[in-house]
Amino acid sequence: MSLETKRLILRPWEENDARELYQYASDPNVGPIAGWPPHTSVENSLQIIRKILSSPENFAIVLKKTGLPIGCISLKFCCDLAKKDDEAELGYWVGKSYWGKGVATEAGKEMLRHAFLDLGLNRVWCGYLDGNNRSRRVQEKLGFKHQWTSDNVPLPQMGQTKRGHANLLTKSEWLANQQN
């Protein structure tokens, strides 16, 4: 299954995306601010596609004009923030050369539509780590509301903890925002 916006296609990851994934995910400015280490090789990116990115509701963010992935967006169920059957956690990242171009916001809007209307969820959580102001801003644009801040959010892939912020958007809030 794929989702579509004006500029983007959100589709499942494919093994032949490994080279493009590595191109963006190897940048030390991308992963660590989201809580994961930079990819170390195309083979490392291929393994991550196979083991992590092939999970349900995990999509490559693909530019329509090139047909190539430039980031990732997903809904995770039964995780740190989303513990109930009717909720999920939204996660995303975009390659640095696409920062500030509205890509994450555009992809996020479509994923929220998908979460609330196609999947019938009632709540979507999203979080960001201290210092990731771009992610904070995307969440604000999408309508998320701050719920709490935690000082010791574990980042197992990084072997450390950081201060994190948890945000929530309910279906009723999302529907109200669609009227505006």
N, C-alpha and C. Protein backbone atom coordinates (compact mmCIF):
# COMPACT_ATOMS: atom_id res chain seq x y z
N MET A 1 0.83 -1.18 0.00
CA MET A 1 0.00 0.00 0.00
C MET A 1 0.88 1.25 0.00
N SER A 2 0.47 2.25 -0.77
CA SER A 2 1.17 3.53 -0.81
C SER A 2 0.19 4.65 -0.52
N LEU A 3 0.73 5.74 -0.01
CA LEU A 3 -0.04 6.95 0.24
C LEU A 3 0.57 8.05 -0.62
N GLU A 4 -0.23 9.06 -0.94
CA GLU A 4 0.26 10.08 -1.86
C GLU A 4 -0.14 11.48 -1.41
N THR A 5 0.77 12.44 -1.63
CA THR A 5 0.49 13.86 -1.40
C THR A 5 0.83 14.60 -2.70
N LYS A 6 0.80 15.90 -2.66
CA LYS A 6 1.10 16.69 -3.86
C LYS A 6 2.51 16.38 -4.39
N ARG A 7 3.50 16.34 -3.50
CA ARG A 7 4.90 16.15 -3.93
C ARG A 7 5.48 14.79 -3.62
N LEU A 8 4.77 13.99 -2.78
CA LEU A 8 5.39 12.79 -2.20
C LEU A 8 4.58 11.53 -2.43
N ILE A 9 5.29 10.42 -2.43
CA ILE A 9 4.69 9.09 -2.32
C ILE A 9 5.27 8.47 -1.05
N LEU A 10 4.40 7.95 -0.21
CA LEU A 10 4.82 7.23 0.99
C LEU A 10 4.56 5.76 0.68
N ARG A 11 5.64 4.99 0.59
CA ARG A 11 5.51 3.59 0.20
C ARG A 11 6.42 2.73 1.06
N PRO A 12 6.13 1.40 1.07
CA PRO A 12 7.01 0.51 1.83
C PRO A 12 8.45 0.58 1.31
N TRP A 13 9.38 0.38 2.23
CA TRP A 13 10.79 0.33 1.86
C TRP A 13 11.07 -0.90 1.03
N GLU A 14 12.00 -0.78 0.09
CA GLU A 14 12.43 -1.89 -0.75
C GLU A 14 13.93 -2.06 -0.57
N GLU A 15 14.40 -3.28 -0.75
CA GLU A 15 15.84 -3.53 -0.56
C GLU A 15 16.69 -2.67 -1.49
N ASN A 16 16.19 -2.37 -2.70
CA ASN A 16 16.98 -1.54 -3.62
C ASN A 16 17.01 -0.06 -3.24
N ASP A 17 16.40 0.29 -2.08
CA ASP A 17 16.47 1.66 -1.55
C ASP A 17 17.71 1.85 -0.67
N ALA A 18 18.49 0.80 -0.46
CA ALA A 18 19.59 0.86 0.51
C ALA A 18 20.59 1.97 0.20
N ARG A 19 20.94 2.17 -1.06
CA ARG A 19 21.94 3.20 -1.42
C ARG A 19 21.42 4.60 -1.05
N GLU A 20 20.17 4.90 -1.40
CA GLU A 20 19.61 6.22 -1.06
C GLU A 20 19.44 6.37 0.45
N LEU A 21 19.01 5.29 1.12
CA LEU A 21 18.88 5.35 2.57
C LEU A 21 20.23 5.69 3.19
N TYR A 22 21.27 5.01 2.76
CA TYR A 22 22.60 5.27 3.30
C TYR A 22 23.03 6.72 3.04
N GLN A 23 22.73 7.23 1.86
CA GLN A 23 23.11 8.60 1.50
C GLN A 23 22.62 9.60 2.55
N TYR A 24 21.40 9.44 3.04
CA TYR A 24 20.84 10.38 4.01
C TYR A 24 21.05 9.96 5.45
N ALA A 25 20.94 8.65 5.72
CA ALA A 25 21.01 8.16 7.11
C ALA A 25 22.44 8.06 7.63
N SER A 26 23.43 8.22 6.76
CA SER A 26 24.82 8.22 7.23
C SER A 26 25.26 9.59 7.72
N ASP A 27 24.45 10.60 7.46
CA ASP A 27 24.77 11.97 7.88
C ASP A 27 24.68 12.07 9.41
N PRO A 28 25.75 12.47 10.08
CA PRO A 28 25.73 12.55 11.55
C PRO A 28 24.79 13.64 12.09
N ASN A 29 24.25 14.48 11.21
CA ASN A 29 23.28 15.49 11.63
C ASN A 29 21.85 14.96 11.65
N VAL A 30 21.62 13.77 11.10
CA VAL A 30 20.26 13.26 10.95
C VAL A 30 19.86 12.31 12.08
N GLY A 31 20.52 11.17 12.20
CA GLY A 31 20.09 10.14 13.16
C GLY A 31 20.22 10.50 14.62
N PRO A 32 21.38 11.00 15.05
CA PRO A 32 21.56 11.25 16.48
C PRO A 32 20.52 12.20 17.09
N ILE A 33 20.04 13.20 16.36
CA ILE A 33 19.02 14.10 16.94
C ILE A 33 17.67 13.39 17.07
N ALA A 34 17.53 12.25 16.35
CA ALA A 34 16.31 11.46 16.45
C ALA A 34 16.50 10.23 17.34
N GLY A 35 17.72 10.00 17.82
CA GLY A 35 17.96 8.91 18.76
C GLY A 35 18.56 7.65 18.18
N TRP A 36 19.08 7.72 16.95
CA TRP A 36 19.72 6.54 16.37
C TRP A 36 21.05 6.93 15.72
N PRO A 37 22.00 5.98 15.69
CA PRO A 37 23.33 6.29 15.16
C PRO A 37 23.33 6.37 13.63
N PRO A 38 24.27 7.12 13.06
CA PRO A 38 24.37 7.17 11.60
C PRO A 38 24.65 5.78 11.03
N HIS A 39 24.11 5.53 9.85
CA HIS A 39 24.39 4.27 9.17
C HIS A 39 25.85 4.26 8.74
N THR A 40 26.46 3.08 8.76
CA THR A 40 27.90 2.97 8.52
C THR A 40 28.26 2.50 7.11
N SER A 41 27.30 1.94 6.37
CA SER A 41 27.56 1.45 5.02
C SER A 41 26.24 1.18 4.32
N VAL A 42 26.30 0.98 3.01
CA VAL A 42 25.10 0.60 2.26
C VAL A 42 24.58 -0.74 2.80
N GLU A 43 25.48 -1.65 3.14
CA GLU A 43 25.07 -2.95 3.70
C GLU A 43 24.35 -2.76 5.05
N ASN A 44 24.84 -1.85 5.87
CA ASN A 44 24.17 -1.53 7.14
C ASN A 44 22.76 -1.02 6.87
N SER A 45 22.62 -0.14 5.89
CA SER A 45 21.29 0.38 5.53
C SER A 45 20.39 -0.73 5.02
N LEU A 46 20.93 -1.65 4.25
CA LEU A 46 20.14 -2.79 3.76
C LEU A 46 19.64 -3.64 4.92
N GLN A 47 20.50 -3.90 5.89
CA GLN A 47 20.09 -4.68 7.07
C GLN A 47 18.99 -3.95 7.85
N ILE A 48 19.09 -2.63 7.94
CA ILE A 48 18.06 -1.86 8.65
C ILE A 48 16.74 -1.91 7.89
N ILE A 49 16.79 -1.87 6.56
CA ILE A 49 15.57 -2.04 5.77
C ILE A 49 14.95 -3.40 6.09
N ARG A 50 15.77 -4.44 6.09
CA ARG A 50 15.27 -5.80 6.31
C ARG A 50 14.72 -6.01 7.73
N LYS A 51 15.41 -5.47 8.74
CA LYS A 51 15.06 -5.78 10.13
C LYS A 51 14.13 -4.77 10.78
N ILE A 52 14.19 -3.51 10.36
CA ILE A 52 13.43 -2.47 11.05
C ILE A 52 12.40 -1.80 10.13
N LEU A 53 12.85 -1.35 8.98
CA LEU A 53 11.99 -0.53 8.12
C LEU A 53 10.97 -1.33 7.33
N SER A 54 11.07 -2.65 7.36
CA SER A 54 10.08 -3.48 6.65
C SER A 54 8.85 -3.76 7.51
N SER A 55 8.78 -3.17 8.69
CA SER A 55 7.63 -3.39 9.57
C SER A 55 6.40 -2.68 9.02
N PRO A 56 5.20 -3.13 9.42
CA PRO A 56 3.97 -2.50 8.93
C PRO A 56 3.92 -1.01 9.30
N GLU A 57 3.31 -0.24 8.44
CA GLU A 57 3.12 1.21 8.63
C GLU A 57 4.44 1.96 8.71
N ASN A 58 5.46 1.47 8.03
CA ASN A 58 6.76 2.13 7.97
C ASN A 58 7.01 2.44 6.49
N PHE A 59 7.12 3.71 6.15
CA PHE A 59 7.15 4.13 4.75
C PHE A 59 8.39 4.94 4.41
N ALA A 60 8.89 4.71 3.20
CA ALA A 60 9.90 5.59 2.63
C ALA A 60 9.16 6.84 2.15
N ILE A 61 9.74 8.00 2.41
CA ILE A 61 9.22 9.26 1.87
C ILE A 61 9.93 9.46 0.53
N VAL A 62 9.17 9.36 -0.55
CA VAL A 62 9.73 9.39 -1.90
C VAL A 62 9.27 10.65 -2.62
N LEU A 63 10.21 11.36 -3.22
CA LEU A 63 9.86 12.52 -4.04
C LEU A 63 9.26 12.02 -5.35
N LYS A 64 8.08 12.53 -5.71
CA LYS A 64 7.45 12.12 -6.96
C LYS A 64 8.35 12.43 -8.15
N LYS A 65 9.00 13.60 -8.12
CA LYS A 65 9.75 14.01 -9.31
C LYS A 65 11.01 13.18 -9.56
N THR A 66 11.54 12.51 -8.54
CA THR A 66 12.74 11.68 -8.74
C THR A 66 12.46 10.19 -8.57
N GLY A 67 11.42 9.85 -7.82
CA GLY A 67 11.13 8.45 -7.53
C GLY A 67 12.06 7.84 -6.49
N LEU A 68 12.86 8.69 -5.81
CA LEU A 68 13.83 8.19 -4.85
C LEU A 68 13.47 8.58 -3.42
N PRO A 69 13.76 7.70 -2.44
CA PRO A 69 13.47 8.02 -1.05
C PRO A 69 14.42 9.08 -0.50
N ILE A 70 13.85 9.97 0.34
CA ILE A 70 14.63 11.05 0.97
C ILE A 70 14.44 11.06 2.48
N GLY A 71 13.67 10.11 2.99
CA GLY A 71 13.41 10.07 4.43
C GLY A 71 12.48 8.92 4.76
N CYS A 72 11.99 8.94 5.98
CA CYS A 72 11.18 7.84 6.50
C CYS A 72 10.08 8.39 7.39
N ILE A 73 8.93 7.73 7.38
CA ILE A 73 7.83 8.09 8.29
C ILE A 73 7.11 6.81 8.67
N SER A 74 6.69 6.74 9.94
CA SER A 74 6.08 5.49 10.41
C SER A 74 5.07 5.74 11.52
N LEU A 75 4.23 4.75 11.69
CA LEU A 75 3.35 4.65 12.86
C LEU A 75 3.77 3.39 13.60
N LYS A 76 4.10 3.54 14.88
CA LYS A 76 4.47 2.39 15.71
C LYS A 76 3.37 2.14 16.72
N PHE A 77 3.09 0.87 16.93
CA PHE A 77 2.04 0.46 17.86
C PHE A 77 2.67 -0.23 19.06
N CYS A 78 2.01 -0.13 20.21
CA CYS A 78 2.47 -0.79 21.44
C CYS A 78 3.94 -0.49 21.71
N CYS A 79 4.24 0.79 21.85
CA CYS A 79 5.62 1.20 22.12
C CYS A 79 5.63 2.12 23.34
N ASP A 80 6.71 2.85 23.51
CA ASP A 80 6.86 3.67 24.72
C ASP A 80 5.69 4.62 24.95
N LEU A 81 5.26 5.34 23.93
CA LEU A 81 4.18 6.31 24.11
C LEU A 81 2.81 5.71 23.82
N ALA A 82 2.70 4.91 22.78
CA ALA A 82 1.40 4.36 22.36
C ALA A 82 1.20 2.99 22.99
N LYS A 83 0.39 2.93 24.02
CA LYS A 83 0.21 1.68 24.75
C LYS A 83 -1.16 1.04 24.52
N LYS A 84 -2.13 1.80 24.01
CA LYS A 84 -3.49 1.28 23.82
C LYS A 84 -3.71 0.86 22.37
N ASP A 85 -4.75 0.05 22.16
CA ASP A 85 -5.04 -0.47 20.82
C ASP A 85 -5.44 0.61 19.82
N ASP A 86 -5.97 1.72 20.31
CA ASP A 86 -6.47 2.76 19.39
C ASP A 86 -5.50 3.93 19.24
N GLU A 87 -4.20 3.68 19.47
CA GLU A 87 -3.23 4.76 19.35
C GLU A 87 -1.91 4.25 18.76
N ALA A 88 -1.14 5.19 18.24
CA ALA A 88 0.17 4.87 17.66
C ALA A 88 1.10 6.04 17.91
N GLU A 89 2.39 5.80 17.66
CA GLU A 89 3.39 6.86 17.77
C GLU A 89 3.92 7.17 16.37
N LEU A 90 3.87 8.43 16.00
CA LEU A 90 4.38 8.89 14.71
C LEU A 90 5.87 9.18 14.84
N GLY A 91 6.64 8.65 13.91
CA GLY A 91 8.07 8.93 13.85
C GLY A 91 8.44 9.31 12.43
N TYR A 92 9.45 10.15 12.26
CA TYR A 92 9.84 10.58 10.92
C TYR A 92 11.25 11.16 10.95
N TRP A 93 11.87 11.18 9.80
CA TRP A 93 13.11 11.92 9.58
C TRP A 93 13.23 12.17 8.07
N VAL A 94 13.95 13.21 7.75
CA VAL A 94 14.16 13.60 6.35
C VAL A 94 15.63 13.94 6.18
N GLY A 95 16.19 13.60 5.02
CA GLY A 95 17.57 13.93 4.73
C GLY A 95 17.83 15.42 4.84
N LYS A 96 19.02 15.77 5.32
CA LYS A 96 19.34 17.16 5.64
C LYS A 96 19.13 18.11 4.46
N SER A 97 19.41 17.69 3.25
CA SER A 97 19.24 18.58 2.10
C SER A 97 17.77 18.92 1.84
N TYR A 98 16.86 18.25 2.53
CA TYR A 98 15.43 18.54 2.38
C TYR A 98 14.83 19.22 3.61
N TRP A 99 15.67 19.55 4.59
CA TRP A 99 15.18 20.28 5.77
C TRP A 99 14.69 21.66 5.34
N GLY A 100 13.64 22.11 6.02
CA GLY A 100 13.13 23.46 5.76
C GLY A 100 12.31 23.58 4.49
N LYS A 101 11.95 22.47 3.86
CA LYS A 101 11.18 22.50 2.62
C LYS A 101 9.74 21.99 2.81
N GLY A 102 9.35 21.73 4.06
CA GLY A 102 7.98 21.29 4.33
C GLY A 102 7.72 19.82 4.06
N VAL A 103 8.75 19.05 3.79
CA VAL A 103 8.57 17.62 3.46
C VAL A 103 8.01 16.84 4.65
N ALA A 104 8.62 16.99 5.82
CA ALA A 104 8.15 16.24 7.00
C ALA A 104 6.72 16.62 7.36
N THR A 105 6.39 17.89 7.25
CA THR A 105 5.02 18.34 7.55
C THR A 105 4.03 17.76 6.55
N GLU A 106 4.39 17.79 5.28
CA GLU A 106 3.50 17.25 4.24
C GLU A 106 3.29 15.74 4.44
N ALA A 107 4.36 15.02 4.69
CA ALA A 107 4.25 13.58 4.93
C ALA A 107 3.47 13.31 6.21
N GLY A 108 3.72 14.11 7.24
CA GLY A 108 3.03 13.95 8.52
C GLY A 108 1.52 14.16 8.39
N LYS A 109 1.12 15.14 7.62
CA LYS A 109 -0.32 15.38 7.42
C LYS A 109 -1.00 14.16 6.80
N GLU A 110 -0.34 13.56 5.82
CA GLU A 110 -0.92 12.38 5.18
C GLU A 110 -0.93 11.18 6.12
N MET A 111 0.12 11.02 6.91
CA MET A 111 0.14 9.90 7.87
C MET A 111 -0.94 10.06 8.94
N LEU A 112 -1.19 11.29 9.36
CA LEU A 112 -2.26 11.52 10.34
C LEU A 112 -3.62 11.22 9.73
N ARG A 113 -3.83 11.63 8.48
CA ARG A 113 -5.09 11.31 7.80
C ARG A 113 -5.25 9.78 7.76
N HIS A 114 -4.19 9.10 7.38
CA HIS A 114 -4.19 7.64 7.30
C HIS A 114 -4.48 7.02 8.69
N ALA A 115 -3.82 7.53 9.72
CA ALA A 115 -4.00 7.00 11.07
C ALA A 115 -5.44 7.14 11.55
N PHE A 116 -6.00 8.33 11.38
CA PHE A 116 -7.33 8.60 11.93
C PHE A 116 -8.46 8.06 11.05
N LEU A 117 -8.34 8.18 9.74
CA LEU A 117 -9.44 7.78 8.86
C LEU A 117 -9.31 6.34 8.36
N ASP A 118 -8.14 5.94 7.89
CA ASP A 118 -7.98 4.59 7.35
C ASP A 118 -7.85 3.54 8.45
N LEU A 119 -7.05 3.85 9.48
CA LEU A 119 -6.79 2.88 10.54
C LEU A 119 -7.73 3.02 11.73
N GLY A 120 -8.49 4.11 11.80
CA GLY A 120 -9.45 4.30 12.88
C GLY A 120 -8.86 4.56 14.25
N LEU A 121 -7.65 5.11 14.28
CA LEU A 121 -7.03 5.41 15.57
C LEU A 121 -7.69 6.63 16.21
N ASN A 122 -7.59 6.74 17.52
CA ASN A 122 -8.15 7.88 18.24
C ASN A 122 -7.09 8.83 18.78
N ARG A 123 -5.85 8.34 18.90
CA ARG A 123 -4.77 9.18 19.43
C ARG A 123 -3.47 8.84 18.71
N VAL A 124 -2.72 9.87 18.38
CA VAL A 124 -1.38 9.67 17.82
C VAL A 124 -0.41 10.48 18.67
N TRP A 125 0.61 9.81 19.14
CA TRP A 125 1.67 10.42 19.94
C TRP A 125 2.84 10.77 19.04
N CYS A 126 3.64 11.71 19.47
CA CYS A 126 4.87 12.04 18.76
C CYS A 126 5.81 12.68 19.78
N GLY A 127 7.08 12.43 19.65
CA GLY A 127 8.04 13.00 20.59
C GLY A 127 9.25 13.55 19.87
N TYR A 128 10.01 14.34 20.59
CA TYR A 128 11.27 14.85 20.06
C TYR A 128 12.25 15.00 21.22
N LEU A 129 13.52 14.95 20.89
CA LEU A 129 14.57 15.10 21.88
C LEU A 129 15.01 16.55 21.98
N ASP A 130 15.45 16.95 23.17
CA ASP A 130 15.95 18.31 23.37
C ASP A 130 16.92 18.68 22.26
N GLY A 131 16.76 19.88 21.74
CA GLY A 131 17.65 20.37 20.70
C GLY A 131 17.15 20.10 19.29
N ASN A 132 16.17 19.24 19.13
CA ASN A 132 15.65 18.96 17.80
C ASN A 132 14.47 19.89 17.53
N ASN A 133 14.80 21.16 17.36
CA ASN A 133 13.76 22.18 17.19
C ASN A 133 13.01 22.05 15.88
N ARG A 134 13.63 21.49 14.85
CA ARG A 134 12.92 21.28 13.59
C ARG A 134 11.78 20.28 13.78
N SER A 135 12.05 19.21 14.52
CA SER A 135 11.01 18.22 14.78
C SER A 135 9.91 18.82 15.66
N ARG A 136 10.30 19.59 16.65
CA ARG A 136 9.31 20.27 17.50
C ARG A 136 8.39 21.13 16.65
N ARG A 137 8.97 21.86 15.71
CA ARG A 137 8.19 22.76 14.86
C ARG A 137 7.24 21.99 13.94
N VAL A 138 7.70 20.87 13.38
CA VAL A 138 6.83 20.03 12.56
C VAL A 138 5.63 19.58 13.38
N GLN A 139 5.87 19.13 14.61
CA GLN A 139 4.79 18.65 15.46
C GLN A 139 3.81 19.77 15.78
N GLU A 140 4.30 20.97 16.01
CA GLU A 140 3.42 22.12 16.24
C GLU A 140 2.54 22.37 15.01
N LYS A 141 3.14 22.35 13.83
CA LYS A 141 2.39 22.59 12.59
C LYS A 141 1.32 21.53 12.37
N LEU A 142 1.60 20.30 12.81
CA LEU A 142 0.65 19.20 12.65
C LEU A 142 -0.46 19.23 13.70
N GLY A 143 -0.33 20.09 14.71
CA GLY A 143 -1.38 20.23 15.72
C GLY A 143 -1.16 19.47 17.01
N PHE A 144 0.01 18.85 17.19
CA PHE A 144 0.29 18.13 18.43
C PHE A 144 0.37 19.09 19.61
N LYS A 145 -0.06 18.60 20.77
CA LYS A 145 -0.03 19.38 22.01
C LYS A 145 0.91 18.71 23.00
N HIS A 146 1.75 19.53 23.64
CA HIS A 146 2.72 19.02 24.62
C HIS A 146 2.00 18.37 25.80
N GLN A 147 2.50 17.18 26.19
CA GLN A 147 1.92 16.46 27.32
C GLN A 147 2.86 16.43 28.52
N TRP A 148 4.14 16.13 28.29
CA TRP A 148 5.11 16.10 29.37
C TRP A 148 6.53 16.10 28.81
N THR A 149 7.47 16.36 29.72
CA THR A 149 8.90 16.30 29.41
C THR A 149 9.53 15.30 30.37
N SER A 150 10.42 14.46 29.85
CA SER A 150 11.14 13.48 30.66
C SER A 150 12.63 13.75 30.56
N ASP A 151 13.32 13.72 31.70
CA ASP A 151 14.74 14.02 31.69
C ASP A 151 15.63 12.86 31.26
N ASN A 152 15.18 11.64 31.40
CA ASN A 152 16.04 10.49 31.11
C ASN A 152 15.39 9.52 30.14
N VAL A 153 15.16 9.96 28.91
CA VAL A 153 14.59 9.09 27.88
C VAL A 153 15.72 8.17 27.39
N PRO A 154 15.55 6.84 27.53
CA PRO A 154 16.61 5.93 27.10
C PRO A 154 16.70 5.87 25.57
N LEU A 155 17.93 5.93 25.07
CA LEU A 155 18.20 5.78 23.64
C LEU A 155 19.14 4.58 23.50
N PRO A 156 18.57 3.37 23.49
CA PRO A 156 19.40 2.17 23.53
C PRO A 156 20.40 2.07 22.37
N GLN A 157 20.00 2.51 21.18
CA GLN A 157 20.91 2.43 20.04
C GLN A 157 22.11 3.37 20.19
N MET A 158 21.93 4.41 21.01
CA MET A 158 22.99 5.39 21.22
C MET A 158 23.74 5.14 22.53
N GLY A 159 23.20 4.26 23.39
CA GLY A 159 23.83 3.98 24.68
C GLY A 159 23.81 5.17 25.61
N GLN A 160 22.75 5.95 25.58
CA GLN A 160 22.66 7.15 26.42
C GLN A 160 21.21 7.49 26.70
N THR A 161 21.00 8.52 27.51
CA THR A 161 19.67 9.06 27.75
C THR A 161 19.70 10.54 27.41
N LYS A 162 18.54 11.06 27.06
CA LYS A 162 18.40 12.49 26.75
C LYS A 162 17.06 12.99 27.28
N ARG A 163 16.94 14.29 27.33
CA ARG A 163 15.67 14.91 27.70
C ARG A 163 14.74 14.84 26.49
N GLY A 164 13.53 14.35 26.71
CA GLY A 164 12.57 14.19 25.63
C GLY A 164 11.24 14.82 25.95
N HIS A 165 10.50 15.14 24.91
CA HIS A 165 9.20 15.80 25.02
C HIS A 165 8.15 14.95 24.32
N ALA A 166 7.05 14.67 25.00
CA ALA A 166 5.97 13.85 24.46
C ALA A 166 4.79 14.75 24.09
N ASN A 167 4.29 14.57 22.88
CA ASN A 167 3.17 15.35 22.36
C ASN A 167 2.06 14.41 21.89
N LEU A 168 0.85 14.92 21.87
CA LEU A 168 -0.32 14.11 21.53
C LEU A 168 -1.25 14.88 20.62
N LEU A 169 -1.87 14.16 19.69
CA LEU A 169 -2.94 14.71 18.86
C LEU A 169 -4.07 13.69 18.87
N THR A 170 -5.26 14.13 19.25
CA THR A 170 -6.42 13.23 19.26
C THR A 170 -7.16 13.36 17.94
N LYS A 171 -7.96 12.36 17.65
CA LYS A 171 -8.76 12.39 16.42
C LYS A 171 -9.69 13.58 16.41
N SER A 172 -10.32 13.89 17.53
CA SER A 172 -11.25 15.02 17.57
C SER A 172 -10.53 16.34 17.32
N GLU A 173 -9.32 16.49 17.88
CA GLU A 173 -8.53 17.70 17.61
C GLU A 173 -8.13 17.77 16.14
N TRP A 174 -7.74 16.64 15.58
CA TRP A 174 -7.35 16.59 14.18
C TRP A 174 -8.52 16.95 13.28
N LEU A 175 -9.69 16.37 13.58
CA LEU A 175 -10.88 16.68 12.78
C LEU A 175 -11.24 18.16 12.86
N ALA A 176 -11.14 18.74 14.05
CA ALA A 176 -11.41 20.18 14.21
C ALA A 176 -10.44 21.01 13.39
N ASN A 177 -9.16 20.60 13.34
CA ASN A 177 -8.16 21.32 12.56
C ASN A 177 -8.44 21.24 11.06
N GLN A 178 -9.11 20.18 10.61
CA GLN A 178 -9.42 20.02 9.18
C GLN A 178 -10.48 21.03 8.73
N GLN A 179 -11.25 21.54 9.67
CA GLN A 179 -12.29 22.52 9.35
C GLN A 179 -11.69 23.91 9.10
N ASN A 180 -10.48 24.14 9.64
CA ASN A 180 -9.86 25.47 9.55
C ASN A 180 -9.10 25.64 8.26
